[in-house]
Amino acid sequence: MGRFVGPGQIQTSGATGVTYLDLNLNAQSTPTGLVSVQPGEAWNFQLWYRDAVGGQTASSFTDAVAVTFQ
């Protein structure tokens, strides 16, 4: 499991609820350090976000997506 916490990787979606993040496929974060994505590998991504629910801050997750790289 890796986290995108580098410069520019923690974002706000603003009123649109949409964010974009360009990935460096030669330096993906893993628990043991950065690795290069290899063709044929399947990686799963999920967004952890904060939201206001009833005036209180809540922490939630999006549905995950699986990406197979070619």
C-alpha atoms as a PDB file:
ATOM      1  CA  MET A   1       0.000   0.000   0.000  1.00  0.00           C
ATOM      2  CA  GLY A   2       1.405   3.379  -0.950  1.00  0.00           C
ATOM      3  CA  ARG A   3       0.291   6.924  -0.338  1.00  0.00           C
ATOM      4  CA  PHE A   4       0.427  10.010  -2.506  1.00  0.00           C
ATOM      5  CA  VAL A   5       1.520  12.642   0.019  1.00  0.00           C
ATOM      6  CA  GLY A   6       4.256  14.419  -1.950  1.00  0.00           C
ATOM      7  CA  PRO A   7       4.179  18.018  -3.155  1.00  0.00           C
ATOM      8  CA  GLY A   8       0.993  18.652  -5.133  1.00  0.00           C
ATOM      9  CA  GLN A   9      -0.438  15.204  -4.409  1.00  0.00           C
ATOM     10  CA  ILE A  10      -2.786  16.240  -1.594  1.00  0.00           C
ATOM     11  CA  GLN A  11      -5.547  18.158  -3.319  1.00  0.00           C
ATOM     12  CA  THR A  12      -8.920  19.767  -2.830  1.00  0.00           C
ATOM     13  CA  SER A  13     -11.777  18.966  -5.168  1.00  0.00           C
ATOM     14  CA  GLY A  14     -13.521  22.281  -4.605  1.00  0.00           C
ATOM     15  CA  ALA A  15     -17.162  22.568  -5.644  1.00  0.00           C
ATOM     16  CA  THR A  16     -16.764  20.099  -8.544  1.00  0.00           C
ATOM     17  CA  GLY A  17     -15.874  17.075  -6.409  1.00  0.00           C
ATOM     18  CA  VAL A  18     -13.206  16.102  -8.972  1.00  0.00           C
ATOM     19  CA  THR A  19      -9.428  15.798  -8.647  1.00  0.00           C
ATOM     20  CA  TYR A  20      -6.706  14.739 -11.085  1.00  0.00           C
ATOM     21  CA  LEU A  21      -3.264  13.362 -10.343  1.00  0.00           C
ATOM     22  CA  ASP A  22      -0.600  12.629 -12.947  1.00  0.00           C
ATOM     23  CA  LEU A  23       1.327   9.512 -11.928  1.00  0.00           C
ATOM     24  CA  ASN A  24       5.017   8.877 -12.422  1.00  0.00           C
ATOM     25  CA  LEU A  25       4.936   5.201 -13.422  1.00  0.00           C
ATOM     26  CA  ASN A  26       8.673   4.948 -12.744  1.00  0.00           C
ATOM     27  CA  ALA A  27       8.249   5.921  -9.086  1.00  0.00           C
ATOM     28  CA  GLN A  28       5.146   4.433  -7.469  1.00  0.00           C
ATOM     29  CA  SER A  29       4.998   4.372  -3.693  1.00  0.00           C
ATOM     30  CA  THR A  30       4.977   0.998  -1.879  1.00  0.00           C
ATOM     31  CA  PRO A  31       5.614   0.055   1.765  1.00  0.00           C
ATOM     32  CA  THR A  32       9.227  -0.799   0.896  1.00  0.00           C
ATOM     33  CA  GLY A  33       9.962   2.241  -1.279  1.00  0.00           C
ATOM     34  CA  LEU A  34       9.435   3.447  -4.830  1.00  0.00           C
ATOM     35  CA  VAL A  35       9.042   0.959  -7.698  1.00  0.00           C
ATOM     36  CA  SER A  36       8.414   1.096 -11.441  1.00  0.00           C
ATOM     37  CA  VAL A  37       5.097  -0.173 -12.763  1.00  0.00           C
ATOM     38  CA  GLN A  38       5.647  -3.130 -15.101  1.00  0.00           C
ATOM     39  CA  PRO A  39       3.539  -4.105 -18.138  1.00  0.00           C
ATOM     40  CA  GLY A  40       0.840  -6.618 -17.199  1.00  0.00           C
ATOM     41  CA  GLU A  41       0.696  -5.552 -13.558  1.00  0.00           C
ATOM     42  CA  ALA A  42      -2.671  -4.707 -12.048  1.00  0.00           C
ATOM     43  CA  TRP A  43      -2.696  -1.903  -9.470  1.00  0.00           C
ATOM     44  CA  ASN A  44      -5.629  -0.805  -7.320  1.00  0.00           C
ATOM     45  CA  PHE A  45      -6.282   2.824  -6.434  1.00  0.00           C
ATOM     46  CA  GLN A  46      -8.634   4.394  -3.909  1.00  0.00           C
ATOM     47  CA  LEU A  47      -9.076   7.960  -2.692  1.00  0.00           C
ATOM     48  CA  TRP A  48      -9.206   8.775   1.022  1.00  0.00           C
ATOM     49  CA  TYR A  49     -11.042  12.033   1.578  1.00  0.00           C
ATOM     50  CA  ARG A  50     -12.542  14.263   4.229  1.00  0.00           C
ATOM     51  CA  ASP A  51     -16.098  15.527   4.011  1.00  0.00           C
ATOM     52  CA  ALA A  52     -18.509  17.492   6.184  1.00  0.00           C
ATOM     53  CA  VAL A  53     -21.454  15.435   7.455  1.00  0.00           C
ATOM     54  CA  GLY A  54     -23.954  17.237   9.650  1.00  0.00           C
ATOM     55  CA  GLY A  55     -21.411  19.973  10.322  1.00  0.00           C
ATOM     56  CA  GLN A  56     -18.790  17.449  11.480  1.00  0.00           C
ATOM     57  CA  THR A  57     -15.673  16.426   9.569  1.00  0.00           C
ATOM     58  CA  ALA A  58     -15.793  12.806   8.409  1.00  0.00           C
ATOM     59  CA  SER A  59     -13.177  10.578   6.799  1.00  0.00           C
ATOM     60  CA  SER A  60     -14.316   8.399   3.891  1.00  0.00           C
ATOM     61  CA  PHE A  61     -13.026   6.322   0.980  1.00  0.00           C
ATOM     62  CA  THR A  62     -14.091   6.191  -2.669  1.00  0.00           C
ATOM     63  CA  ASP A  63     -14.772   2.906  -4.418  1.00  0.00           C
ATOM     64  CA  ALA A  64     -11.521   1.361  -5.598  1.00  0.00           C
ATOM     65  CA  VAL A  65     -10.540   1.039  -9.239  1.00  0.00           C
ATOM     66  CA  ALA A  66      -8.222  -1.587 -10.705  1.00  0.00           C
ATOM     67  CA  VAL A  67      -5.879  -0.608 -13.543  1.00  0.00           C
ATOM     68  CA  THR A  68      -3.934  -3.146 -15.625  1.00  0.00           C
ATOM     69  CA  PHE A  69      -0.919  -1.522 -17.229  1.00  0.00           C
ATOM     70  CA  GLN A  70       0.216  -2.456 -20.732  1.00  0.00           C
END
